[in-house]
Amino acid sequence: MMAETGLAALWLAAAMALLQLAGGLSLIGEGKLSALIKPASVVQGLLCLFSFSALMWLFYVTDLSVLLVASNSHIDKPMIFKLAATWGNHEGSMLLWVTVLALSGAAISLIEKRLDDKTLRVTLAVQAVVALGFFAFLLFSSNPFERLVPAPAAGAGLNPLLQDMGLAFHPPTLYFGYVGLSVAFSFAVAALLTRQVGPAFARAMRPWVLAAWIFLTLGITAGSYWAYYELGWGGWWFWDPVENASLMPWLAATALLHSVSVLATRNALRAWTIMLALVAFA
């Protein structure tokens, strides 16, 4: 029952993202739906949090009737690896991503006071567009709550290369970093659409860029240490797409952090700030 409830919450969260987008389109004509953007983003965040918590609970109790749990957990594994296995697979990691993305949108709705109301709502509408792509992928291609009949007796267990404390720390910190850059991306697109590229926009974006940079730094540090002692990864940081998938956004975020600070204090580097905000996430 928990799996079905978690899946239902995910569908409802996708519906809230659609409502956010509809509100953004309504905003163009000053329609009434625009007033629903903020509430929809908060509800979306809560629904995604519930859905991810439901999946984590299924791993906690080792519910082997769920395909994802049976494929990535085992009844005799230590609890830390059972819980970390929630995102130690394709479907679970995508659900973690969309959950952090939705919670970021909720946080913007609740705490952002520096942007004018229209730019803020357009930002949330852009966030909804980004989220809808991941919702579609999860719901139609990578359902994390798919049932397995009959349920196995013990489970296949987590990939041996992932049975490390690095799994509990490395992916979540990277995802918080990536999603922080998605917020900067949404701010930049909204500022372009509303023509509000200026110090106020930069001051609103800067904390998100700084937080994203910090989390990316922590995640890359943990990942490089993990790669160093994990023989299966070659024992060193190697120049290949796995490592560079996090390194390149970090370099762009470093440049963006400097550029957005200049825009916030001196009202300069507008084009650079927009370009870097778009490139860092894209």
Protein backbone atom coordinates (compact mmCIF):
# COMPACT_ATOMS: atom_id res chain seq x y z
CA MET A 1 0.00 0.00 0.00
CA MET A 2 2.88 2.38 0.75
CA ALA A 3 4.23 1.93 -2.78
CA GLU A 4 0.90 2.84 -4.34
CA THR A 5 0.54 5.85 -2.02
CA GLY A 6 4.02 7.06 -2.93
CA LEU A 7 3.26 6.71 -6.64
CA ALA A 8 -0.04 8.58 -6.22
CA ALA A 9 1.80 11.41 -4.46
CA LEU A 10 4.24 11.56 -7.37
CA TRP A 11 1.38 11.88 -9.87
CA LEU A 12 -0.22 14.62 -7.77
CA ALA A 13 3.12 16.44 -7.59
CA ALA A 14 3.32 16.33 -11.38
CA ALA A 15 -0.19 17.79 -11.50
CA MET A 16 0.95 20.62 -9.23
CA ALA A 17 3.85 21.30 -11.60
CA LEU A 18 1.35 21.52 -14.46
CA LEU A 19 -0.70 23.96 -12.39
CA GLN A 20 2.44 26.03 -11.80
CA LEU A 21 3.11 26.13 -15.53
CA ALA A 22 -0.51 27.06 -16.27
CA GLY A 23 -0.22 29.86 -13.74
CA GLY A 24 2.92 31.08 -15.48
CA LEU A 25 1.17 31.13 -18.85
CA SER A 26 -1.81 32.88 -17.25
CA LEU A 27 0.56 35.48 -15.85
CA ILE A 28 1.22 36.72 -19.39
CA GLY A 29 -2.38 37.86 -19.60
CA GLU A 30 -2.67 38.70 -15.90
CA GLY A 31 -5.01 35.72 -15.43
CA LYS A 32 -6.29 34.51 -12.09
CA LEU A 33 -4.38 31.23 -12.29
CA SER A 34 -1.14 33.11 -11.60
CA ALA A 35 -2.18 33.39 -7.95
CA LEU A 36 -1.90 29.60 -7.65
CA ILE A 37 1.78 29.41 -8.61
CA LYS A 38 3.16 29.79 -5.09
CA PRO A 39 0.70 27.44 -3.33
CA ALA A 40 1.16 24.84 -6.07
CA SER A 41 4.95 24.92 -5.66
CA VAL A 42 4.67 24.38 -1.90
CA VAL A 43 2.22 21.48 -2.29
CA GLN A 44 4.44 19.99 -5.01
CA GLY A 45 7.42 20.07 -2.65
CA LEU A 46 5.47 18.37 0.15
CA LEU A 47 4.11 15.68 -2.17
CA CYS A 48 7.57 14.88 -3.55
CA LEU A 49 8.98 14.75 -0.03
CA PHE A 50 6.26 12.29 0.93
CA SER A 51 6.89 10.18 -2.17
CA PHE A 52 10.63 9.99 -1.52
CA SER A 53 10.01 9.25 2.17
CA ALA A 54 7.68 6.43 1.12
CA LEU A 55 10.40 4.92 -1.07
CA MET A 56 12.93 5.24 1.74
CA TRP A 57 10.47 3.52 4.09
CA LEU A 58 10.13 0.63 1.63
CA PHE A 59 13.91 0.22 1.71
CA TYR A 60 13.92 0.56 5.50
CA VAL A 61 11.46 -2.32 5.93
CA THR A 62 13.00 -4.22 2.97
CA ASP A 63 9.71 -4.60 1.12
CA LEU A 64 10.83 -7.09 -1.50
CA SER A 65 7.49 -6.92 -3.31
CA VAL A 66 8.81 -3.66 -4.80
CA LEU A 67 11.10 -4.33 -7.77
CA LEU A 68 13.52 -1.53 -6.90
CA VAL A 69 13.99 -2.79 -3.35
CA ALA A 70 14.39 -6.41 -4.44
CA SER A 71 16.99 -5.40 -7.03
CA ASN A 72 19.07 -3.13 -4.78
CA SER A 73 18.71 -4.36 -1.20
CA HIS A 74 19.00 -7.50 0.92
CA ILE A 75 17.42 -8.53 4.20
CA ASP A 76 20.83 -8.92 5.87
CA LYS A 77 22.46 -5.65 4.76
CA PRO A 78 23.39 -3.00 7.38
CA MET A 79 20.70 -0.36 7.76
CA ILE A 80 22.91 2.46 6.44
CA PHE A 81 23.30 0.62 3.12
CA LYS A 82 19.59 -0.19 2.98
CA LEU A 83 18.73 3.49 3.29
CA ALA A 84 21.50 4.68 0.96
CA ALA A 85 20.29 2.14 -1.61
CA THR A 86 17.23 4.37 -1.99
CA TRP A 87 19.31 6.59 -4.30
CA GLY A 88 21.92 3.97 -5.25
CA ASN A 89 20.02 3.15 -8.42
CA HIS A 90 18.62 4.92 -11.46
CA GLU A 91 14.98 5.28 -10.41
CA GLY A 92 15.66 6.25 -6.80
CA SER A 93 18.29 8.81 -7.74
CA MET A 94 15.86 10.42 -10.19
CA LEU A 95 13.22 10.61 -7.46
CA LEU A 96 15.76 12.22 -5.13
CA TRP A 97 16.59 14.74 -7.86
CA VAL A 98 12.96 15.73 -8.48
CA THR A 99 12.32 15.90 -4.72
CA VAL A 100 15.18 18.33 -4.15
CA LEU A 101 14.02 20.30 -7.19
CA ALA A 102 10.46 20.53 -5.85
CA LEU A 103 11.61 21.47 -2.35
CA SER A 104 13.76 24.21 -3.85
CA GLY A 105 10.70 25.63 -5.58
CA ALA A 106 8.78 25.52 -2.32
CA ALA A 107 11.64 27.31 -0.55
CA ILE A 108 11.67 30.03 -3.20
CA SER A 109 7.93 30.55 -2.70
CA LEU A 110 8.21 30.78 1.06
CA ILE A 111 11.40 32.73 1.71
CA GLU A 112 12.31 34.77 -1.38
CA LYS A 113 11.50 38.43 -0.70
CA ARG A 114 14.03 40.29 -2.85
CA LEU A 115 12.47 39.76 -6.27
CA ASP A 116 9.42 41.58 -7.54
CA ASP A 117 6.32 39.39 -7.51
CA LYS A 118 6.08 38.90 -11.27
CA THR A 119 9.69 37.79 -11.69
CA LEU A 120 9.31 35.45 -8.72
CA ARG A 121 6.26 33.78 -10.23
CA VAL A 122 7.90 33.43 -13.62
CA THR A 123 10.89 31.84 -11.86
CA LEU A 124 8.56 29.25 -10.32
CA ALA A 125 6.94 28.63 -13.70
CA VAL A 126 10.35 27.94 -15.23
CA GLN A 127 11.11 25.58 -12.33
CA ALA A 128 7.87 23.78 -13.15
CA VAL A 129 8.95 23.28 -16.77
CA VAL A 130 12.23 21.75 -15.61
CA ALA A 131 10.44 19.55 -13.06
CA LEU A 132 7.86 18.32 -15.58
CA GLY A 133 10.58 16.79 -17.72
CA PHE A 134 11.80 14.72 -14.80
CA PHE A 135 8.26 13.85 -13.69
CA ALA A 136 7.50 12.54 -17.18
CA PHE A 137 10.67 10.47 -17.20
CA LEU A 138 9.94 9.01 -13.76
CA LEU A 139 6.27 8.25 -14.26
CA PHE A 140 6.41 6.88 -17.80
CA SER A 141 9.86 5.32 -17.98
CA SER A 142 11.40 4.79 -14.53
CA ASN A 143 8.66 4.09 -11.99
CA PRO A 144 10.44 3.57 -8.62
CA PHE A 145 7.35 1.94 -7.07
CA GLU A 146 6.84 -0.88 -9.58
CA ARG A 147 5.71 -4.11 -7.92
CA LEU A 148 7.41 -7.51 -8.29
CA VAL A 149 5.28 -10.65 -8.24
CA PRO A 150 6.17 -13.03 -6.73
CA ALA A 151 8.43 -11.33 -4.19
CA PRO A 152 11.87 -12.95 -3.72
CA ALA A 153 12.95 -14.32 -0.36
CA ALA A 154 16.06 -12.21 0.24
CA GLY A 155 16.76 -9.64 -2.48
CA ALA A 156 19.65 -9.21 -4.92
CA GLY A 157 21.57 -6.75 -2.75
CA LEU A 158 23.31 -3.49 -3.53
CA ASN A 159 26.09 -3.31 -6.12
CA PRO A 160 29.31 -4.18 -4.19
CA LEU A 161 31.07 -1.08 -5.55
CA LEU A 162 28.35 1.07 -3.96
CA GLN A 163 28.51 -0.55 -0.52
CA ASP A 164 30.51 2.28 0.94
CA MET A 165 29.83 5.24 3.22
CA GLY A 166 30.54 7.45 0.23
CA LEU A 167 27.15 6.46 -1.19
CA ALA A 168 25.40 7.97 1.82
CA PHE A 169 27.09 11.35 1.29
CA HIS A 170 28.34 11.78 -2.27
CA PRO A 171 25.13 11.60 -4.42
CA PRO A 172 22.88 13.73 -2.15
CA THR A 173 25.41 16.55 -1.88
CA LEU A 174 25.95 16.56 -5.64
CA TYR A 175 22.21 16.66 -6.24
CA PHE A 176 21.76 19.59 -3.88
CA GLY A 177 24.48 21.34 -5.85
CA TYR A 178 22.99 20.56 -9.25
CA VAL A 179 19.50 21.63 -8.18
CA GLY A 180 20.88 24.87 -6.74
CA LEU A 181 22.16 25.62 -10.22
CA SER A 182 18.71 24.84 -11.64
CA VAL A 183 17.34 27.61 -9.41
CA ALA A 184 19.95 30.01 -10.79
CA PHE A 185 18.91 28.91 -14.29
CA SER A 186 15.25 29.64 -13.51
CA PHE A 187 16.12 33.03 -12.03
CA ALA A 188 18.08 33.91 -15.17
CA VAL A 189 15.32 32.87 -17.58
CA ALA A 190 12.71 34.74 -15.53
CA ALA A 191 14.86 37.87 -15.40
CA LEU A 192 15.25 37.77 -19.17
CA LEU A 193 11.51 37.31 -19.73
CA THR A 194 10.56 40.13 -17.35
CA ARG A 195 13.56 42.30 -18.28
CA GLN A 196 14.60 42.62 -14.66
CA VAL A 197 18.31 41.78 -14.98
CA GLY A 198 19.82 43.96 -12.29
CA PRO A 199 21.18 44.09 -8.75
CA ALA A 200 17.92 42.90 -7.13
CA PHE A 201 17.88 39.81 -9.34
CA ALA A 202 21.56 39.17 -8.57
CA ARG A 203 21.04 39.51 -4.82
CA ALA A 204 18.22 36.97 -5.01
CA MET A 205 20.29 34.54 -7.06
CA ARG A 206 23.58 34.81 -5.14
CA PRO A 207 22.65 32.70 -2.05
CA TRP A 208 21.48 29.86 -4.29
CA VAL A 209 24.67 29.95 -6.33
CA LEU A 210 26.78 29.98 -3.17
CA ALA A 211 24.83 27.06 -1.68
CA ALA A 212 25.12 25.12 -4.95
CA TRP A 213 28.86 25.79 -5.09
CA ILE A 214 29.34 24.61 -1.49
CA PHE A 215 27.38 21.39 -2.04
CA LEU A 216 29.16 20.68 -5.32
CA THR A 217 32.51 21.22 -3.61
CA LEU A 218 31.59 18.82 -0.80
CA GLY A 219 30.21 16.26 -3.24
CA ILE A 220 33.22 16.37 -5.55
CA THR A 221 35.61 16.13 -2.60
CA ALA A 222 33.77 13.08 -1.24
CA GLY A 223 33.58 11.55 -4.71
CA SER A 224 37.27 12.05 -5.45
CA TYR A 225 38.23 10.47 -2.13
CA TRP A 226 35.88 7.58 -2.81
CA ALA A 227 37.37 7.15 -6.29
CA TYR A 228 40.88 7.21 -4.83
CA TYR A 229 40.48 4.18 -2.58
CA GLU A 230 37.83 2.28 -4.60
CA LEU A 231 39.80 -0.03 -6.90
CA GLY A 232 36.88 -0.41 -9.26
CA TRP A 233 37.15 3.28 -10.17
CA GLY A 234 40.84 3.11 -11.01
CA GLY A 235 42.23 4.59 -7.80
CA TRP A 236 42.49 8.19 -9.05
CA TRP A 237 40.47 11.06 -10.45
CA PHE A 238 40.45 10.36 -14.17
CA TRP A 239 39.45 12.65 -17.02
CA ASP A 240 36.28 10.86 -18.07
CA PRO A 241 32.58 11.81 -18.22
CA VAL A 242 31.71 10.30 -14.83
CA GLU A 243 33.95 12.67 -12.91
CA ASN A 244 33.61 15.63 -15.27
CA ALA A 245 29.81 15.56 -15.01
CA SER A 246 30.28 17.24 -11.63
CA LEU A 247 33.56 19.08 -12.24
CA MET A 248 32.41 21.15 -15.22
CA PRO A 249 29.32 22.59 -13.45
CA TRP A 250 31.56 23.39 -10.47
CA LEU A 251 33.88 25.43 -12.70
CA ALA A 252 30.91 27.27 -14.21
CA ALA A 253 29.44 27.85 -10.74
CA THR A 254 32.75 29.28 -9.54
CA ALA A 255 32.73 31.82 -12.36
CA LEU A 256 29.03 32.53 -11.80
CA LEU A 257 29.61 33.16 -8.09
CA HIS A 258 32.08 35.93 -8.92
CA SER A 259 29.98 37.35 -11.75
CA VAL A 260 26.74 37.52 -9.76
CA SER A 261 28.55 39.24 -6.89
CA VAL A 262 29.78 41.94 -9.27
CA LEU A 263 26.26 42.39 -10.67
CA ALA A 264 24.79 42.65 -7.15
CA THR A 265 27.28 45.27 -5.97
CA ARG A 266 28.31 47.19 -9.11
CA ASN A 267 25.47 46.53 -11.57
CA ALA A 268 27.95 45.17 -14.11
CA LEU A 269 28.55 41.88 -15.96
CA ARG A 270 24.86 41.39 -16.72
CA ALA A 271 25.40 39.35 -19.89
CA TRP A 272 28.10 37.22 -18.26
CA THR A 273 25.89 36.46 -15.27
CA ILE A 274 22.97 35.37 -17.45
CA MET A 275 25.18 33.28 -19.71
CA LEU A 276 26.93 31.53 -16.81
CA ALA A 277 23.64 30.84 -15.03
CA LEU A 278 22.30 29.18 -18.17
CA VAL A 279 25.50 27.26 -18.94
CA ALA A 280 26.11 26.04 -15.37
CA PHE A 281 22.84 24.09 -15.30
CA ALA A 282 22.51 23.25 -18.98
